[in-house]
Structure formats: C-alpha cells, structure tokens
C-alpha cells in the first residue's frame, strides 16, 4: 500500500514536472511571440511615421502647386484683359486708319479736280 502511494506520488510528480516543462515552453513561446509583436509594432510605428511625413510633404507640395495654379490663373486673366484692351485699341486704330484713307482719297480727288481745272485754264 505504501509502495502504491509512493508510486502514485512519483507519477504525480512526473506529470507535474512534465506539465511545468510544457508550461515553461509555452511561456518561452509566448515571450518570443511577444518580442516578435513588439518588433512588428516598432516597425509599423516607424512605417507610420514615414507615411505621415510623406503625407505632410505631399500636403505641402499640394499647397505650393495650388498657389502656383492660382498665380497662373491670375496671370491668364491679366493676359486676357490685356489682349481685350489691345484688340479694342487695334479696332480703333483700324477705324481711324480707314477714316484717314478715306480723307486722303477725298483730298486726292480734290487735288486732281483742282489740277484738271488748273490745266484747263
């Protein structure tokens, strides 16, 4: 009976030692997993920081480009206004030039008529 009790205790001790070894292995695996996850978190945080910097840089570049577009749009409007004014001036000059040509033709006709009358006398 005593031998049986000792045998049972030895078996229980062996089972408990095996269980402890299994739990220690599980703990080591969990620690390894934990370290891997911490490394992954660090890597992801670094990547997030890089992406945030890229986003900030892109936003800054976008702002510069939007400013440049606004400036170019303003320049185009100024050029369109100048072109309109130049076209209006050109139209006025063409009208004035035509009037001067007409006046010149009238004067040439008068001059010819006067010359013809002068030649008759």
C-alpha atoms as a PDB file:
ATOM      1  CA  UNK A   1       0.000   0.000   0.000  1.00  0.00           C
ATOM      2  CA  UNK A   2       2.803   2.384   0.841  1.00  0.00           C
ATOM      3  CA  UNK A   3       4.603   1.425  -2.335  1.00  0.00           C
ATOM      4  CA  UNK A   4       1.449   2.202  -4.269  1.00  0.00           C
ATOM      5  CA  UNK A   5       1.196   5.633  -2.599  1.00  0.00           C
ATOM      6  CA  UNK A   6       4.874   6.345  -3.355  1.00  0.00           C
ATOM      7  CA  UNK A   7       4.365   5.164  -6.914  1.00  0.00           C
ATOM      8  CA  UNK A   8       1.290   7.407  -7.253  1.00  0.00           C
ATOM      9  CA  UNK A   9       3.222  10.383  -5.856  1.00  0.00           C
ATOM     10  CA  UNK A  10       6.146   9.674  -8.197  1.00  0.00           C
ATOM     11  CA  UNK A  11       3.723   9.542 -11.109  1.00  0.00           C
ATOM     12  CA  UNK A  12       2.072  12.766  -9.963  1.00  0.00           C
ATOM     13  CA  UNK A  13       5.481  14.443  -9.570  1.00  0.00           C
ATOM     14  CA  UNK A  14       6.493  13.267 -13.060  1.00  0.00           C
ATOM     15  CA  UNK A  15       3.217  14.528 -14.512  1.00  0.00           C
ATOM     16  CA  UNK A  16       3.649  17.855 -12.723  1.00  0.00           C
ATOM     17  CA  UNK A  17       7.269  18.147 -13.905  1.00  0.00           C
ATOM     18  CA  UNK A  18       6.136  17.397 -17.469  1.00  0.00           C
ATOM     19  CA  UNK A  19       3.377  19.949 -17.124  1.00  0.00           C
ATOM     20  CA  UNK A  20       5.888  22.515 -15.774  1.00  0.00           C
ATOM     21  CA  UNK A  21       8.201  21.836 -18.741  1.00  0.00           C
ATOM     22  CA  UNK A  22       5.254  22.243 -21.108  1.00  0.00           C
ATOM     23  CA  UNK A  23       4.202  25.468 -19.391  1.00  0.00           C
ATOM     24  CA  UNK A  24       7.803  26.758 -19.456  1.00  0.00           C
ATOM     25  CA  UNK A  25       7.940  26.009 -23.206  1.00  0.00           C
ATOM     26  CA  UNK A  26       4.593  27.738 -23.687  1.00  0.00           C
ATOM     27  CA  UNK A  27       5.933  30.706 -21.695  1.00  0.00           C
ATOM     28  CA  UNK A  28       9.087  30.862 -23.841  1.00  0.00           C
ATOM     29  CA  UNK A  29       6.953  30.690 -26.982  1.00  0.00           C
ATOM     30  CA  UNK A  30       4.676  33.424 -25.639  1.00  0.00           C
ATOM     31  CA  UNK A  31       7.698  35.607 -24.796  1.00  0.00           C
ATOM     32  CA  UNK A  32       9.097  35.018 -28.292  1.00  0.00           C
ATOM     33  CA  UNK A  33       5.706  35.881 -29.784  1.00  0.00           C
ATOM     34  CA  UNK A  34       5.529  38.961 -27.565  1.00  0.00           C
ATOM     35  CA  UNK A  35       9.000  40.092 -28.668  1.00  0.00           C
ATOM     36  CA  UNK A  36       8.057  39.498 -32.319  1.00  0.00           C
ATOM     37  CA  UNK A  37       4.869  41.516 -31.862  1.00  0.00           C
ATOM     38  CA  UNK A  38       6.797  44.334 -30.163  1.00  0.00           C
ATOM     39  CA  UNK A  39       9.267  44.358 -33.081  1.00  0.00           C
ATOM     40  CA  UNK A  40       6.346  44.383 -35.519  1.00  0.00           C
ATOM     41  CA  UNK A  41       4.777  47.278 -33.599  1.00  0.00           C
ATOM     42  CA  UNK A  42       8.074  49.194 -33.713  1.00  0.00           C
ATOM     43  CA  UNK A  43       8.378  48.550 -37.454  1.00  0.00           C
ATOM     44  CA  UNK A  44       4.779  49.618 -38.047  1.00  0.00           C
ATOM     45  CA  UNK A  45       5.233  52.758 -35.959  1.00  0.00           C
ATOM     46  CA  UNK A  46       8.338  53.660 -37.984  1.00  0.00           C
ATOM     47  CA  UNK A  47       6.443  52.998 -41.207  1.00  0.00           C
ATOM     48  CA  UNK A  48       3.535  55.088 -39.936  1.00  0.00           C
ATOM     49  CA  UNK A  49       5.933  57.946 -39.105  1.00  0.00           C
ATOM     50  CA  UNK A  50       7.433  57.716 -42.608  1.00  0.00           C
ATOM     51  CA  UNK A  51       3.989  57.677 -44.211  1.00  0.00           C
ATOM     52  CA  UNK A  52       2.902  60.631 -42.079  1.00  0.00           C
ATOM     53  CA  UNK A  53       5.997  62.552 -43.193  1.00  0.00           C
ATOM     54  CA  UNK A  54       5.259  61.641 -46.807  1.00  0.00           C
ATOM     55  CA  UNK A  55       1.673  62.827 -46.315  1.00  0.00           C
ATOM     56  CA  UNK A  56       2.839  66.090 -44.740  1.00  0.00           C
ATOM     57  CA  UNK A  57       5.319  66.619 -47.591  1.00  0.00           C
ATOM     58  CA  UNK A  58       2.603  65.858 -50.151  1.00  0.00           C
ATOM     59  CA  UNK A  59       0.228  68.313 -48.465  1.00  0.00           C
ATOM     60  CA  UNK A  60       2.939  70.975 -48.504  1.00  0.00           C
ATOM     61  CA  UNK A  61       3.666  70.288 -52.182  1.00  0.00           C
ATOM     62  CA  UNK A  62      -0.062  70.370 -52.946  1.00  0.00           C
ATOM     63  CA  UNK A  63      -0.328  73.756 -51.253  1.00  0.00           C
ATOM     64  CA  UNK A  64       2.574  75.089 -53.333  1.00  0.00           C
ATOM     65  CA  UNK A  65       1.034  73.716 -56.518  1.00  0.00           C
ATOM     66  CA  UNK A  66      -2.356  75.216 -55.663  1.00  0.00           C
ATOM     67  CA  UNK A  67      -0.662  78.587 -55.073  1.00  0.00           C
ATOM     68  CA  UNK A  68       1.138  78.263 -58.404  1.00  0.00           C
ATOM     69  CA  UNK A  69      -2.135  77.362 -60.175  1.00  0.00           C
ATOM     70  CA  UNK A  70      -3.814  80.419 -58.630  1.00  0.00           C
ATOM     71  CA  UNK A  71      -0.947  82.632 -59.763  1.00  0.00           C
ATOM     72  CA  UNK A  72      -1.088  81.189 -63.272  1.00  0.00           C
ATOM     73  CA  UNK A  73      -4.868  81.649 -63.399  1.00  0.00           C
ATOM     74  CA  UNK A  74      -4.411  85.280 -62.326  1.00  0.00           C
ATOM     75  CA  UNK A  75      -1.723  85.726 -64.997  1.00  0.00           C
ATOM     76  CA  UNK A  76      -4.034  84.238 -67.638  1.00  0.00           C
ATOM     77  CA  UNK A  77      -6.826  86.623 -66.597  1.00  0.00           C
ATOM     78  CA  UNK A  78      -4.441  89.581 -66.755  1.00  0.00           C
ATOM     79  CA  UNK A  79      -3.264  88.493 -70.205  1.00  0.00           C
ATOM     80  CA  UNK A  80      -6.852  88.038 -71.400  1.00  0.00           C
ATOM     81  CA  UNK A  81      -7.707  91.533 -70.130  1.00  0.00           C
ATOM     82  CA  UNK A  82      -4.631  92.964 -71.853  1.00  0.00           C
ATOM     83  CA  UNK A  83      -5.494  91.135 -75.083  1.00  0.00           C
ATOM     84  CA  UNK A  84      -9.031  92.504 -74.972  1.00  0.00           C
ATOM     85  CA  UNK A  85      -7.711  96.038 -74.496  1.00  0.00           C
ATOM     86  CA  UNK A  86      -5.170  95.569 -77.288  1.00  0.00           C
ATOM     87  CA  UNK A  87      -7.884  94.264 -79.629  1.00  0.00           C
ATOM     88  CA  UNK A  88     -10.086  97.242 -78.785  1.00  0.00           C
ATOM     89  CA  UNK A  89      -7.157  99.596 -79.453  1.00  0.00           C
ATOM     90  CA  UNK A  90      -6.424  97.753 -82.698  1.00  0.00           C
ATOM     91  CA  UNK A  91     -10.063  98.108 -83.810  1.00  0.00           C
ATOM     92  CA  UNK A  92      -9.970 101.843 -83.037  1.00  0.00           C
ATOM     93  CA  UNK A  93      -6.719 102.245 -84.977  1.00  0.00           C
ATOM     94  CA  UNK A  94      -8.149 100.325 -87.938  1.00  0.00           C
ATOM     95  CA  UNK A  95     -11.214 102.589 -87.916  1.00  0.00           C
ATOM     96  CA  UNK A  96      -9.027 105.678 -87.654  1.00  0.00           C
ATOM     97  CA  UNK A  97      -6.747 104.380 -90.404  1.00  0.00           C
ATOM     98  CA  UNK A  98      -9.751 103.764 -92.683  1.00  0.00           C
ATOM     99  CA  UNK A  99     -11.039 107.290 -91.952  1.00  0.00           C
ATOM    100  CA  UNK A 100      -7.641 108.751 -92.792  1.00  0.00           C
ATOM    101  CA  UNK A 101      -7.523 106.718 -96.031  1.00  0.00           C
ATOM    102  CA  UNK A 102     -10.986 107.975 -96.938  1.00  0.00           C
ATOM    103  CA  UNK A 103      -9.921 111.546 -96.146  1.00  0.00           C
ATOM    104  CA  UNK A 104      -6.757 111.041 -98.190  1.00  0.00           C
ATOM    105  CA  UNK A 105      -8.784 109.707-101.127  1.00  0.00           C
ATOM    106  CA  UNK A 106     -11.094 112.755-100.938  1.00  0.00           C
ATOM    107  CA  UNK A 107      -8.123 115.096-100.829  1.00  0.00           C
ATOM    108  CA  UNK A 108      -6.527 113.261-103.760  1.00  0.00           C
ATOM    109  CA  UNK A 109      -9.768 113.628-105.723  1.00  0.00           C
ATOM    110  CA  UNK A 110      -9.972 117.318-104.835  1.00  0.00           C
ATOM    111  CA  UNK A 111      -6.329 117.754-105.763  1.00  0.00           C
ATOM    112  CA  UNK A 112      -6.933 116.024-109.124  1.00  0.00           C
ATOM    113  CA  UNK A 113     -10.001 118.136-109.778  1.00  0.00           C
ATOM    114  CA  UNK A 114      -8.084 121.307-108.938  1.00  0.00           C
ATOM    115  CA  UNK A 115      -5.217 120.191-111.171  1.00  0.00           C
ATOM    116  CA  UNK A 116      -7.619 119.392-114.005  1.00  0.00           C
ATOM    117  CA  UNK A 117      -9.251 122.816-113.631  1.00  0.00           C
ATOM    118  CA  UNK A 118      -5.844 124.447-113.480  1.00  0.00           C
ATOM    119  CA  UNK A 119      -4.745 122.607-116.641  1.00  0.00           C
ATOM    120  CA  UNK A 120      -7.908 123.845-118.454  1.00  0.00           C
ATOM    121  CA  UNK A 121      -7.030 127.422-117.799  1.00  0.00           C
END
